[in-house]
Amino acid sequence: MRDNARTIVFATVLGIVCSLVLAASSQFTAPYRKANEKAEKVRNFLSALEINIEPQWDSKTLLEV
């Protein structure tokens, strides 16, 4: 019975730690994700206008255009 309790506690703690790591990484990468979404819109807009864009341009360069 004691082993079952330890297993449940371990699984609970592991789940909490994993969820905290995922939440922190999501918050950390949010600005980069938003910048990439804006850059993708700009890239699609420029492609629709048949303006040549370099594939290696990053999101910062695309947003400056």
PDB file of N, CA and C in Angstrom:
ATOM      1  N   MET A   1       0.821  -1.191   0.000  1.00  0.00           N
ATOM      2  CA  MET A   1       0.000   0.000   0.000  1.00  0.00           C
ATOM      3  C   MET A   1       0.867   1.259   0.000  1.00  0.00           C
ATOM      4  N   ARG A   2       1.988   1.169   0.708  1.00  0.00           N
ATOM      5  CA  ARG A   2       2.877   2.322   0.793  1.00  0.00           C
ATOM      6  C   ARG A   2       3.526   2.616  -0.562  1.00  0.00           C
ATOM      7  N   ASP A   3       3.844   1.568  -1.312  1.00  0.00           N
ATOM      8  CA  ASP A   3       4.432   1.752  -2.641  1.00  0.00           C
ATOM      9  C   ASP A   3       3.458   2.423  -3.593  1.00  0.00           C
ATOM     10  N   ASN A   4       2.185   2.112  -3.471  1.00  0.00           N
ATOM     11  CA  ASN A   4       1.177   2.747  -4.317  1.00  0.00           C
ATOM     12  C   ASN A   4       1.095   4.240  -4.037  1.00  0.00           C
ATOM     13  N   ALA A   5       1.178   4.614  -2.779  1.00  0.00           N
ATOM     14  CA  ALA A   5       1.128   6.031  -2.413  1.00  0.00           C
ATOM     15  C   ALA A   5       2.345   6.765  -2.967  1.00  0.00           C
ATOM     16  N   ARG A   6       3.504   6.145  -2.868  1.00  0.00           N
ATOM     17  CA  ARG A   6       4.720   6.767  -3.408  1.00  0.00           C
ATOM     18  C   ARG A   6       4.620   6.943  -4.919  1.00  0.00           C
ATOM     19  N   THR A   7       4.070   5.960  -5.576  1.00  0.00           N
ATOM     20  CA  THR A   7       3.907   6.037  -7.026  1.00  0.00           C
ATOM     21  C   THR A   7       2.971   7.175  -7.407  1.00  0.00           C
ATOM     22  N   ILE A   8       1.889   7.314  -6.681  1.00  0.00           N
ATOM     23  CA  ILE A   8       0.930   8.384  -6.971  1.00  0.00           C
ATOM     24  C   ILE A   8       1.548   9.746  -6.700  1.00  0.00           C
ATOM     25  N   VAL A   9       2.279   9.875  -5.588  1.00  0.00           N
ATOM     26  CA  VAL A   9       2.940  11.147  -5.272  1.00  0.00           C
ATOM     27  C   VAL A   9       3.984  11.470  -6.334  1.00  0.00           C
ATOM     28  N   PHE A  10       4.767  10.483  -6.733  1.00  0.00           N
ATOM     29  CA  PHE A  10       5.788  10.707  -7.756  1.00  0.00           C
ATOM     30  C   PHE A  10       5.162  11.151  -9.071  1.00  0.00           C
ATOM     31  N   ALA A  11       4.104  10.481  -9.484  1.00  0.00           N
ATOM     32  CA  ALA A  11       3.437  10.833 -10.740  1.00  0.00           C
ATOM     33  C   ALA A  11       2.840  12.229 -10.665  1.00  0.00           C
ATOM     34  N   THR A  12       2.292  12.595  -9.515  1.00  0.00           N
ATOM     35  CA  THR A  12       1.713  13.926  -9.346  1.00  0.00           C
ATOM     36  C   THR A  12       2.783  15.005  -9.413  1.00  0.00           C
ATOM     37  N   VAL A  13       3.880  14.795  -8.699  1.00  0.00           N
ATOM     38  CA  VAL A  13       4.975  15.774  -8.703  1.00  0.00           C
ATOM     39  C   VAL A  13       5.574  15.888 -10.098  1.00  0.00           C
ATOM     40  N   LEU A  14       5.769  14.777 -10.761  1.00  0.00           N
ATOM     41  CA  LEU A  14       6.314  14.799 -12.115  1.00  0.00           C
ATOM     42  C   LEU A  14       5.389  15.542 -13.068  1.00  0.00           C
ATOM     43  N   GLY A  15       4.097  15.328 -12.939  1.00  0.00           N
ATOM     44  CA  GLY A  15       3.128  16.032 -13.782  1.00  0.00           C
ATOM     45  C   GLY A  15       3.145  17.529 -13.540  1.00  0.00           C
ATOM     46  N   ILE A  16       3.246  17.933 -12.279  1.00  0.00           N
ATOM     47  CA  ILE A  16       3.289  19.362 -11.950  1.00  0.00           C
ATOM     48  C   ILE A  16       4.558  20.000 -12.490  1.00  0.00           C
ATOM     49  N   VAL A  17       5.689  19.332 -12.312  1.00  0.00           N
ATOM     50  CA  VAL A  17       6.959  19.881 -12.805  1.00  0.00           C
ATOM     51  C   VAL A  17       6.935  20.010 -14.324  1.00  0.00           C
ATOM     52  N   CYS A  18       6.454  19.003 -15.010  1.00  0.00           N
ATOM     53  CA  CYS A  18       6.390  19.058 -16.477  1.00  0.00           C
ATOM     54  C   CYS A  18       5.462  20.167 -16.952  1.00  0.00           C
ATOM     55  N   SER A  19       4.333  20.333 -16.281  1.00  0.00           N
ATOM     56  CA  SER A  19       3.410  21.394 -16.693  1.00  0.00           C
ATOM     57  C   SER A  19       4.007  22.769 -16.442  1.00  0.00           C
ATOM     58  N   LEU A  20       4.761  22.932 -15.366  1.00  0.00           N
ATOM     59  CA  LEU A  20       5.421  24.214 -15.100  1.00  0.00           C
ATOM     60  C   LEU A  20       6.492  24.519 -16.148  1.00  0.00           C
ATOM     61  N   VAL A  21       7.237  23.505 -16.542  1.00  0.00           N
ATOM     62  CA  VAL A  21       8.264  23.700 -17.572  1.00  0.00           C
ATOM     63  C   VAL A  21       7.618  24.082 -18.900  1.00  0.00           C
ATOM     64  N   LEU A  22       6.544  23.423 -19.265  1.00  0.00           N
ATOM     65  CA  LEU A  22       5.855  23.751 -20.514  1.00  0.00           C
ATOM     66  C   LEU A  22       5.254  25.153 -20.477  1.00  0.00           C
ATOM     67  N   ALA A  23       4.677  25.533 -19.349  1.00  0.00           N
ATOM     68  CA  ALA A  23       4.096  26.871 -19.226  1.00  0.00           C
ATOM     69  C   ALA A  23       5.178  27.941 -19.303  1.00  0.00           C
ATOM     70  N   ALA A  24       6.307  27.698 -18.650  1.00  0.00           N
ATOM     71  CA  ALA A  24       7.405  28.664 -18.685  1.00  0.00           C
ATOM     72  C   ALA A  24       7.983  28.793 -20.089  1.00  0.00           C
ATOM     73  N   SER A  25       8.135  27.684 -20.783  1.00  0.00           N
ATOM     74  CA  SER A  25       8.679  27.760 -22.139  1.00  0.00           C
ATOM     75  C   SER A  25       7.704  28.452 -23.081  1.00  0.00           C
ATOM     76  N   SER A  26       6.428  28.269 -22.865  1.00  0.00           N
ATOM     77  CA  SER A  26       5.430  28.949 -23.685  1.00  0.00           C
ATOM     78  C   SER A  26       5.491  30.458 -23.464  1.00  0.00           C
ATOM     79  N   GLN A  27       5.618  30.879 -22.228  1.00  0.00           N
ATOM     80  CA  GLN A  27       5.711  32.303 -21.923  1.00  0.00           C
ATOM     81  C   GLN A  27       7.013  32.891 -22.464  1.00  0.00           C
ATOM     82  N   PHE A  28       8.096  32.123 -22.400  1.00  0.00           N
ATOM     83  CA  PHE A  28       9.393  32.601 -22.873  1.00  0.00           C
ATOM     84  C   PHE A  28       9.408  32.781 -24.388  1.00  0.00           C
ATOM     85  N   THR A  29       8.749  31.893 -25.107  1.00  0.00           N
ATOM     86  CA  THR A  29       8.793  31.945 -26.568  1.00  0.00           C
ATOM     87  C   THR A  29       7.651  32.733 -27.192  1.00  0.00           C
ATOM     88  N   ALA A  30       6.747  33.264 -26.394  1.00  0.00           N
ATOM     89  CA  ALA A  30       5.587  33.995 -26.925  1.00  0.00           C
ATOM     90  C   ALA A  30       5.980  35.176 -27.811  1.00  0.00           C
ATOM     91  N   PRO A  31       6.931  36.035 -27.418  1.00  0.00           N
ATOM     92  CA  PRO A  31       7.286  37.157 -28.301  1.00  0.00           C
ATOM     93  C   PRO A  31       7.865  36.695 -29.640  1.00  0.00           C
ATOM     94  N   TYR A  32       8.643  35.633 -29.620  1.00  0.00           N
ATOM     95  CA  TYR A  32       9.225  35.120 -30.858  1.00  0.00           C
ATOM     96  C   TYR A  32       8.140  34.535 -31.762  1.00  0.00           C
ATOM     97  N   ARG A  33       7.188  33.855 -31.149  1.00  0.00           N
ATOM     98  CA  ARG A  33       6.091  33.269 -31.923  1.00  0.00           C
ATOM     99  C   ARG A  33       5.254  34.359 -32.583  1.00  0.00           C
ATOM    100  N   LYS A  34       4.975  35.436 -31.856  1.00  0.00           N
ATOM    101  CA  LYS A  34       4.188  36.533 -32.412  1.00  0.00           C
ATOM    102  C   LYS A  34       4.945  37.230 -33.537  1.00  0.00           C
ATOM    103  N   ALA A  35       6.245  37.420 -33.360  1.00  0.00           N
ATOM    104  CA  ALA A  35       7.044  38.044 -34.416  1.00  0.00           C
ATOM    105  C   ALA A  35       7.068  37.168 -35.661  1.00  0.00           C
ATOM    106  N   ASN A  36       7.163  35.866 -35.487  1.00  0.00           N
ATOM    107  CA  ASN A  36       7.159  34.956 -36.635  1.00  0.00           C
ATOM    108  C   ASN A  36       5.809  34.939 -37.337  1.00  0.00           C
ATOM    109  N   GLU A  37       4.727  35.057 -36.575  1.00  0.00           N
ATOM    110  CA  GLU A  37       3.399  35.109 -37.196  1.00  0.00           C
ATOM    111  C   GLU A  37       3.250  36.372 -38.037  1.00  0.00           C
ATOM    112  N   LYS A  38       3.721  37.504 -37.523  1.00  0.00           N
ATOM    113  CA  LYS A  38       3.658  38.756 -38.282  1.00  0.00           C
ATOM    114  C   LYS A  38       4.533  38.673 -39.527  1.00  0.00           C
ATOM    115  N   ALA A  39       5.716  38.098 -39.379  1.00  0.00           N
ATOM    116  CA  ALA A  39       6.618  37.966 -40.518  1.00  0.00           C
ATOM    117  C   ALA A  39       6.024  37.049 -41.582  1.00  0.00           C
ATOM    118  N   GLU A  40       5.335  36.011 -41.166  1.00  0.00           N
ATOM    119  CA  GLU A  40       4.700  35.109 -42.130  1.00  0.00           C
ATOM    120  C   GLU A  40       3.609  35.829 -42.911  1.00  0.00           C
ATOM    121  N   LYS A  41       2.857  36.698 -42.244  1.00  0.00           N
ATOM    122  CA  LYS A  41       1.837  37.483 -42.943  1.00  0.00           C
ATOM    123  C   LYS A  41       2.484  38.416 -43.959  1.00  0.00           C
ATOM    124  N   VAL A  42       3.590  39.048 -43.569  1.00  0.00           N
ATOM    125  CA  VAL A  42       4.297  39.946 -44.486  1.00  0.00           C
ATOM    126  C   VAL A  42       4.841  39.156 -45.667  1.00  0.00           C
ATOM    127  N   ARG A  43       5.411  37.982 -45.382  1.00  0.00           N
ATOM    128  CA  ARG A  43       5.962  37.136 -46.451  1.00  0.00           C
ATOM    129  C   ARG A  43       4.862  36.737 -47.435  1.00  0.00           C
ATOM    130  N   ASN A  44       3.695  36.359 -46.928  1.00  0.00           N
ATOM    131  CA  ASN A  44       2.580  35.982 -47.800  1.00  0.00           C
ATOM    132  C   ASN A  44       2.074  37.172 -48.603  1.00  0.00           C
ATOM    133  N   PHE A  45       2.017  38.331 -47.972  1.00  0.00           N
ATOM    134  CA  PHE A  45       1.570  39.540 -48.659  1.00  0.00           C
ATOM    135  C   PHE A  45       2.530  39.900 -49.792  1.00  0.00           C
ATOM    136  N   LEU A  46       3.829  39.852 -49.509  1.00  0.00           N
ATOM    137  CA  LEU A  46       4.811  40.178 -50.541  1.00  0.00           C
ATOM    138  C   LEU A  46       4.805  39.138 -51.661  1.00  0.00           C
ATOM    139  N   SER A  47       4.583  37.898 -51.308  1.00  0.00           N
ATOM    140  CA  SER A  47       4.500  36.853 -52.336  1.00  0.00           C
ATOM    141  C   SER A  47       3.286  37.059 -53.225  1.00  0.00           C
ATOM    142  N   ALA A  48       2.185  37.515 -52.645  1.00  0.00           N
ATOM    143  CA  ALA A  48       0.981  37.780 -53.438  1.00  0.00           C
ATOM    144  C   ALA A  48       1.212  38.924 -54.411  1.00  0.00           C
ATOM    145  N   LEU A  49       2.054  39.870 -54.029  1.00  0.00           N
ATOM    146  CA  LEU A  49       2.390  40.987 -54.912  1.00  0.00           C
ATOM    147  C   LEU A  49       3.533  40.649 -55.863  1.00  0.00           C
ATOM    148  N   GLU A  50       3.986  39.400 -55.801  1.00  0.00           N
ATOM    149  CA  GLU A  50       5.077  38.891 -56.631  1.00  0.00           C
ATOM    150  C   GLU A  50       6.360  39.688 -56.438  1.00  0.00           C
ATOM    151  N   ILE A  51       6.628  40.053 -55.210  1.00  0.00           N
ATOM    152  CA  ILE A  51       7.880  40.724 -54.853  1.00  0.00           C
ATOM    153  C   ILE A  51       8.846  39.650 -54.383  1.00  0.00           C
ATOM    154  N   ASN A  52      10.039  39.653 -54.950  1.00  0.00           N
ATOM    155  CA  ASN A  52      11.028  38.645 -54.593  1.00  0.00           C
ATOM    156  C   ASN A  52      11.572  38.919 -53.198  1.00  0.00           C
ATOM    157  N   ILE A  53      11.522  37.898 -52.377  1.00  0.00           N
ATOM    158  CA  ILE A  53      12.096  37.985 -51.042  1.00  0.00           C
ATOM    159  C   ILE A  53      13.084  36.845 -50.882  1.00  0.00           C
ATOM    160  N   GLU A  54      14.126  37.125 -50.138  1.00  0.00           N
ATOM    161  CA  GLU A  54      15.161  36.115 -49.929  1.00  0.00           C
ATOM    162  C   GLU A  54      14.684  35.101 -48.884  1.00  0.00           C
ATOM    163  N   PRO A  55      14.899  33.832 -49.134  1.00  0.00           N
ATOM    164  CA  PRO A  55      14.448  32.810 -48.177  1.00  0.00           C
ATOM    165  C   PRO A  55      15.144  32.911 -46.823  1.00  0.00           C
ATOM    166  N   GLN A  56      16.356  33.451 -46.799  1.00  0.00           N
ATOM    167  CA  GLN A  56      17.100  33.503 -45.545  1.00  0.00           C
ATOM    168  C   GLN A  56      16.756  34.716 -44.688  1.00  0.00           C
ATOM    169  N   TRP A  57      15.866  35.575 -45.160  1.00  0.00           N
ATOM    170  CA  TRP A  57      15.468  36.733 -44.359  1.00  0.00           C
ATOM    171  C   TRP A  57      14.761  36.258 -43.103  1.00  0.00           C
ATOM    172  N   ASP A  58      15.137  36.851 -41.987  1.00  0.00           N
ATOM    173  CA  ASP A  58      14.481  36.495 -40.734  1.00  0.00           C
ATOM    174  C   ASP A  58      13.283  37.401 -40.484  1.00  0.00           C
ATOM    175  N   SER A  59      12.603  37.178 -39.386  1.00  0.00           N
ATOM    176  CA  SER A  59      11.373  37.926 -39.107  1.00  0.00           C
ATOM    177  C   SER A  59      11.648  39.408 -38.912  1.00  0.00           C
ATOM    178  N   LYS A  60      12.773  39.753 -38.325  1.00  0.00           N
ATOM    179  CA  LYS A  60      13.105  41.166 -38.101  1.00  0.00           C
ATOM    180  C   LYS A  60      13.288  41.890 -39.430  1.00  0.00           C
ATOM    181  N   THR A  61      13.965  41.268 -40.364  1.00  0.00           N
ATOM    182  CA  THR A  61      14.185  41.872 -41.676  1.00  0.00           C
ATOM    183  C   THR A  61      12.871  42.021 -42.431  1.00  0.00           C
ATOM    184  N   LEU A  62      12.028  41.015 -42.364  1.00  0.00           N
ATOM    185  CA  LEU A  62      10.742  41.084 -43.067  1.00  0.00           C
ATOM    186  C   LEU A  62       9.850  42.179 -42.498  1.00  0.00           C
ATOM    187  N   LEU A  63       9.875  42.371 -41.200  1.00  0.00           N
ATOM    188  CA  LEU A  63       9.036  43.403 -40.598  1.00  0.00           C
ATOM    189  C   LEU A  63       9.557  44.802 -40.906  1.00  0.00           C
ATOM    190  N   GLU A  64      10.851  44.934 -41.214  1.00  0.00           N
ATOM    191  CA  GLU A  64      11.413  46.231 -41.582  1.00  0.00           C
ATOM    192  C   GLU A  64      11.030  46.620 -43.005  1.00  0.00           C
ATOM    193  N   VAL A  65      10.748  45.636 -43.853  1.00  0.00           N
ATOM    194  CA  VAL A  65      10.383  45.897 -45.240  1.00  0.00           C
ATOM    195  C   VAL A  65       9.035  46.494 -45.233  1.00  0.00           C
TER     196      VAL A  65
END
